[in-house]
């Protein structure tokens, strides 16, 4: 009976040592899951803009508006204007040039959003992008 008296606080001591570690793991997992979720939503919104760019490659404002419409919480600060780039034989050229091997036009749509992490302060932005090749 005497040995039980000395073990009474053992559980409380073990909990006091383990609880902070479990809390750190929980908050870290929350931050990582939040970044992954936001990045998936941003990728989906950027893809919606890229799909619109396939039909209307000359109207970059409308492409940006389509990205914002896919996730209405985004602003024009979160979604920069998409970039139209042209290549001829793997060399970047002006989109008004002609190319004997065929001009390759791509539109790059990006979106990013600020995050408020609980623990991992390096995870401050979620990002998503989509690139579409035009014919």
C-alpha atoms as a PDB file:
ATOM      1  CA  UNK A   1       0.000   0.000   0.000  1.00  0.00           C
ATOM      2  CA  UNK A   2       2.889   2.318   0.669  1.00  0.00           C
ATOM      3  CA  UNK A   3       4.191   2.206  -2.932  1.00  0.00           C
ATOM      4  CA  UNK A   4       0.823   3.503  -4.305  1.00  0.00           C
ATOM      5  CA  UNK A   5       1.135   6.760  -2.387  1.00  0.00           C
ATOM      6  CA  UNK A   6       4.222   7.742  -4.370  1.00  0.00           C
ATOM      7  CA  UNK A   7       2.557   7.056  -7.781  1.00  0.00           C
ATOM      8  CA  UNK A   8      -0.488   9.266  -7.361  1.00  0.00           C
ATOM      9  CA  UNK A   9       0.843  12.194  -9.391  1.00  0.00           C
ATOM     10  CA  UNK A  10       2.498  10.138 -12.117  1.00  0.00           C
ATOM     11  CA  UNK A  11      -0.427  10.371 -14.541  1.00  0.00           C
ATOM     12  CA  UNK A  12      -0.715  14.110 -14.056  1.00  0.00           C
ATOM     13  CA  UNK A  13       3.014  14.530 -14.624  1.00  0.00           C
ATOM     14  CA  UNK A  14       2.936  12.399 -17.788  1.00  0.00           C
ATOM     15  CA  UNK A  15      -0.008  14.391 -19.114  1.00  0.00           C
ATOM     16  CA  UNK A  16       1.753  17.673 -18.328  1.00  0.00           C
ATOM     17  CA  UNK A  17       4.771  16.516 -20.335  1.00  0.00           C
ATOM     18  CA  UNK A  18       2.858  15.076 -23.309  1.00  0.00           C
ATOM     19  CA  UNK A  19       0.089  17.700 -23.688  1.00  0.00           C
ATOM     20  CA  UNK A  20       2.301  20.489 -25.152  1.00  0.00           C
ATOM     21  CA  UNK A  21       3.777  18.079 -27.693  1.00  0.00           C
ATOM     22  CA  UNK A  22       0.312  16.934 -28.734  1.00  0.00           C
ATOM     23  CA  UNK A  23      -0.858  20.555 -29.005  1.00  0.00           C
ATOM     24  CA  UNK A  24       2.103  21.423 -31.256  1.00  0.00           C
ATOM     25  CA  UNK A  25       1.352  18.441 -33.479  1.00  0.00           C
ATOM     26  CA  UNK A  26      -2.329  19.386 -33.659  1.00  0.00           C
ATOM     27  CA  UNK A  27      -1.689  23.045 -34.577  1.00  0.00           C
ATOM     28  CA  UNK A  28       0.995  22.084 -37.093  1.00  0.00           C
ATOM     29  CA  UNK A  29      -1.333  19.583 -38.755  1.00  0.00           C
ATOM     30  CA  UNK A  30      -4.061  22.254 -38.894  1.00  0.00           C
ATOM     31  CA  UNK A  31      -1.710  24.726 -40.605  1.00  0.00           C
ATOM     32  CA  UNK A  32      -0.558  22.187 -43.180  1.00  0.00           C
ATOM     33  CA  UNK A  33      -4.112  21.038 -43.904  1.00  0.00           C
ATOM     34  CA  UNK A  34      -5.226  24.656 -44.285  1.00  0.00           C
ATOM     35  CA  UNK A  35      -2.468  25.394 -46.822  1.00  0.00           C
ATOM     36  CA  UNK A  36      -3.307  22.258 -48.790  1.00  0.00           C
ATOM     37  CA  UNK A  37      -7.021  23.075 -48.828  1.00  0.00           C
ATOM     38  CA  UNK A  38      -6.474  26.686 -49.920  1.00  0.00           C
ATOM     39  CA  UNK A  39      -3.968  25.617 -52.593  1.00  0.00           C
ATOM     40  CA  UNK A  40      -6.442  23.109 -54.024  1.00  0.00           C
ATOM     41  CA  UNK A  41      -9.151  25.779 -54.186  1.00  0.00           C
ATOM     42  CA  UNK A  42      -6.737  28.218 -55.829  1.00  0.00           C
ATOM     43  CA  UNK A  43      -5.697  25.580 -58.389  1.00  0.00           C
ATOM     44  CA  UNK A  44      -9.365  24.955 -59.167  1.00  0.00           C
ATOM     45  CA  UNK A  45     -10.046  28.680 -59.618  1.00  0.00           C
ATOM     46  CA  UNK A  46      -6.962  29.114 -61.820  1.00  0.00           C
ATOM     47  CA  UNK A  47      -8.067  26.136 -63.910  1.00  0.00           C
ATOM     48  CA  UNK A  48     -11.464  27.774 -64.425  1.00  0.00           C
ATOM     49  CA  UNK A  49      -9.674  30.866 -65.735  1.00  0.00           C
ATOM     50  CA  UNK A  50      -7.443  28.760 -67.989  1.00  0.00           C
ATOM     51  CA  UNK A  51     -10.467  27.003 -69.453  1.00  0.00           C
ATOM     52  CA  UNK A  52     -12.011  30.389 -70.222  1.00  0.00           C
ATOM     53  CA  UNK A  53      -8.707  31.529 -71.772  1.00  0.00           C
ATOM     54  CA  UNK A  54      -8.876  28.664 -74.260  1.00  0.00           C
ATOM     55  CA  UNK A  55     -12.006  30.210 -75.774  1.00  0.00           C
ATOM     56  CA  UNK A  56     -11.065  33.892 -75.266  1.00  0.00           C
ATOM     57  CA  UNK A  57      -7.250  34.207 -75.227  1.00  0.00           C
ATOM     58  CA  UNK A  58      -7.188  37.921 -75.977  1.00  0.00           C
ATOM     59  CA  UNK A  59      -9.321  39.149 -73.041  1.00  0.00           C
ATOM     60  CA  UNK A  60      -7.101  38.813 -69.965  1.00  0.00           C
ATOM     61  CA  UNK A  61      -9.418  40.917 -67.766  1.00  0.00           C
ATOM     62  CA  UNK A  62     -12.234  38.459 -68.448  1.00  0.00           C
ATOM     63  CA  UNK A  63      -9.929  35.545 -67.632  1.00  0.00           C
ATOM     64  CA  UNK A  64      -9.097  37.159 -64.284  1.00  0.00           C
ATOM     65  CA  UNK A  65     -12.807  37.807 -63.681  1.00  0.00           C
ATOM     66  CA  UNK A  66     -13.507  34.123 -64.330  1.00  0.00           C
ATOM     67  CA  UNK A  67     -10.909  33.120 -61.709  1.00  0.00           C
ATOM     68  CA  UNK A  68     -12.493  35.477 -59.182  1.00  0.00           C
ATOM     69  CA  UNK A  69     -15.967  34.161 -60.073  1.00  0.00           C
ATOM     70  CA  UNK A  70     -14.758  30.622 -59.351  1.00  0.00           C
ATOM     71  CA  UNK A  71     -13.866  31.705 -55.792  1.00  0.00           C
ATOM     72  CA  UNK A  72     -15.640  34.990 -54.938  1.00  0.00           C
ATOM     73  CA  UNK A  73     -13.491  35.608 -51.829  1.00  0.00           C
ATOM     74  CA  UNK A  74     -10.537  36.394 -54.125  1.00  0.00           C
ATOM     75  CA  UNK A  75      -9.763  39.982 -55.102  1.00  0.00           C
ATOM     76  CA  UNK A  76      -7.856  41.497 -58.006  1.00  0.00           C
ATOM     77  CA  UNK A  77      -4.860  41.743 -55.653  1.00  0.00           C
ATOM     78  CA  UNK A  78      -4.964  37.953 -55.242  1.00  0.00           C
ATOM     79  CA  UNK A  79      -5.236  37.305 -58.990  1.00  0.00           C
ATOM     80  CA  UNK A  80      -2.749  39.139 -61.218  1.00  0.00           C
ATOM     81  CA  UNK A  81      -3.511  39.515 -64.899  1.00  0.00           C
ATOM     82  CA  UNK A  82      -2.779  36.279 -66.766  1.00  0.00           C
ATOM     83  CA  UNK A  83       0.329  36.241 -68.932  1.00  0.00           C
ATOM     84  CA  UNK A  84       0.215  35.421 -72.644  1.00  0.00           C
ATOM     85  CA  UNK A  85       3.585  34.153 -73.880  1.00  0.00           C
ATOM     86  CA  UNK A  86       4.629  33.024 -77.351  1.00  0.00           C
ATOM     87  CA  UNK A  87       7.505  30.782 -78.417  1.00  0.00           C
ATOM     88  CA  UNK A  88       9.050  29.943 -81.761  1.00  0.00           C
ATOM     89  CA  UNK A  89      11.415  26.958 -81.724  1.00  0.00           C
ATOM     90  CA  UNK A  90      11.705  27.177 -77.894  1.00  0.00           C
ATOM     91  CA  UNK A  91      12.642  30.875 -78.060  1.00  0.00           C
ATOM     92  CA  UNK A  92      10.353  33.507 -76.573  1.00  0.00           C
ATOM     93  CA  UNK A  93       9.089  35.893 -79.265  1.00  0.00           C
ATOM     94  CA  UNK A  94       6.426  38.522 -79.721  1.00  0.00           C
ATOM     95  CA  UNK A  95       2.957  37.096 -80.270  1.00  0.00           C
ATOM     96  CA  UNK A  96       2.583  39.187 -83.446  1.00  0.00           C
ATOM     97  CA  UNK A  97       5.554  37.469 -85.126  1.00  0.00           C
ATOM     98  CA  UNK A  98       5.201  34.640 -87.595  1.00  0.00           C
ATOM     99  CA  UNK A  99       7.040  31.412 -87.097  1.00  0.00           C
ATOM    100  CA  UNK A 100       7.949  28.781 -89.682  1.00  0.00           C
ATOM    101  CA  UNK A 101       7.812  25.927 -87.161  1.00  0.00           C
ATOM    102  CA  UNK A 102       4.531  27.109 -85.675  1.00  0.00           C
ATOM    103  CA  UNK A 103       3.983  29.713 -83.002  1.00  0.00           C
ATOM    104  CA  UNK A 104       3.260  28.191 -79.583  1.00  0.00           C
ATOM    105  CA  UNK A 105       1.072  30.433 -77.401  1.00  0.00           C
ATOM    106  CA  UNK A 106       0.519  29.781 -73.708  1.00  0.00           C
ATOM    107  CA  UNK A 107      -1.542  31.559 -71.083  1.00  0.00           C
ATOM    108  CA  UNK A 108      -0.416  31.328 -67.455  1.00  0.00           C
ATOM    109  CA  UNK A 109      -3.084  31.995 -64.838  1.00  0.00           C
ATOM    110  CA  UNK A 110      -2.022  32.382 -61.192  1.00  0.00           C
ATOM    111  CA  UNK A 111      -3.817  33.058 -57.938  1.00  0.00           C
ATOM    112  CA  UNK A 112      -2.562  33.368 -54.378  1.00  0.00           C
ATOM    113  CA  UNK A 113      -4.120  34.091 -51.025  1.00  0.00           C
ATOM    114  CA  UNK A 114      -2.772  35.171 -47.660  1.00  0.00           C
ATOM    115  CA  UNK A 115      -3.140  32.769 -44.756  1.00  0.00           C
ATOM    116  CA  UNK A 116      -3.073  33.195 -40.998  1.00  0.00           C
ATOM    117  CA  UNK A 117      -1.154  30.195 -39.666  1.00  0.00           C
ATOM    118  CA  UNK A 118      -1.450  29.273 -36.010  1.00  0.00           C
ATOM    119  CA  UNK A 119       2.017  27.825 -35.619  1.00  0.00           C
ATOM    120  CA  UNK A 120       4.023  27.472 -38.850  1.00  0.00           C
ATOM    121  CA  UNK A 121       4.762  31.104 -39.707  1.00  0.00           C
ATOM    122  CA  UNK A 122       6.455  30.174 -43.009  1.00  0.00           C
ATOM    123  CA  UNK A 123       3.112  29.082 -44.475  1.00  0.00           C
ATOM    124  CA  UNK A 124       1.733  32.569 -45.114  1.00  0.00           C
ATOM    125  CA  UNK A 125       0.488  32.193 -48.720  1.00  0.00           C
ATOM    126  CA  UNK A 126      -1.395  29.574 -50.636  1.00  0.00           C
ATOM    127  CA  UNK A 127      -0.777  29.510 -54.383  1.00  0.00           C
ATOM    128  CA  UNK A 128      -2.348  27.950 -57.427  1.00  0.00           C
ATOM    129  CA  UNK A 129      -1.598  28.207 -61.126  1.00  0.00           C
ATOM    130  CA  UNK A 130      -2.652  26.766 -64.454  1.00  0.00           C
ATOM    131  CA  UNK A 131      -0.981  26.935 -67.865  1.00  0.00           C
ATOM    132  CA  UNK A 132      -2.902  26.375 -71.060  1.00  0.00           C
ATOM    133  CA  UNK A 133      -1.407  25.955 -74.518  1.00  0.00           C
ATOM    134  CA  UNK A 134      -3.415  27.668 -77.255  1.00  0.00           C
ATOM    135  CA  UNK A 135      -3.670  26.580 -80.860  1.00  0.00           C
END
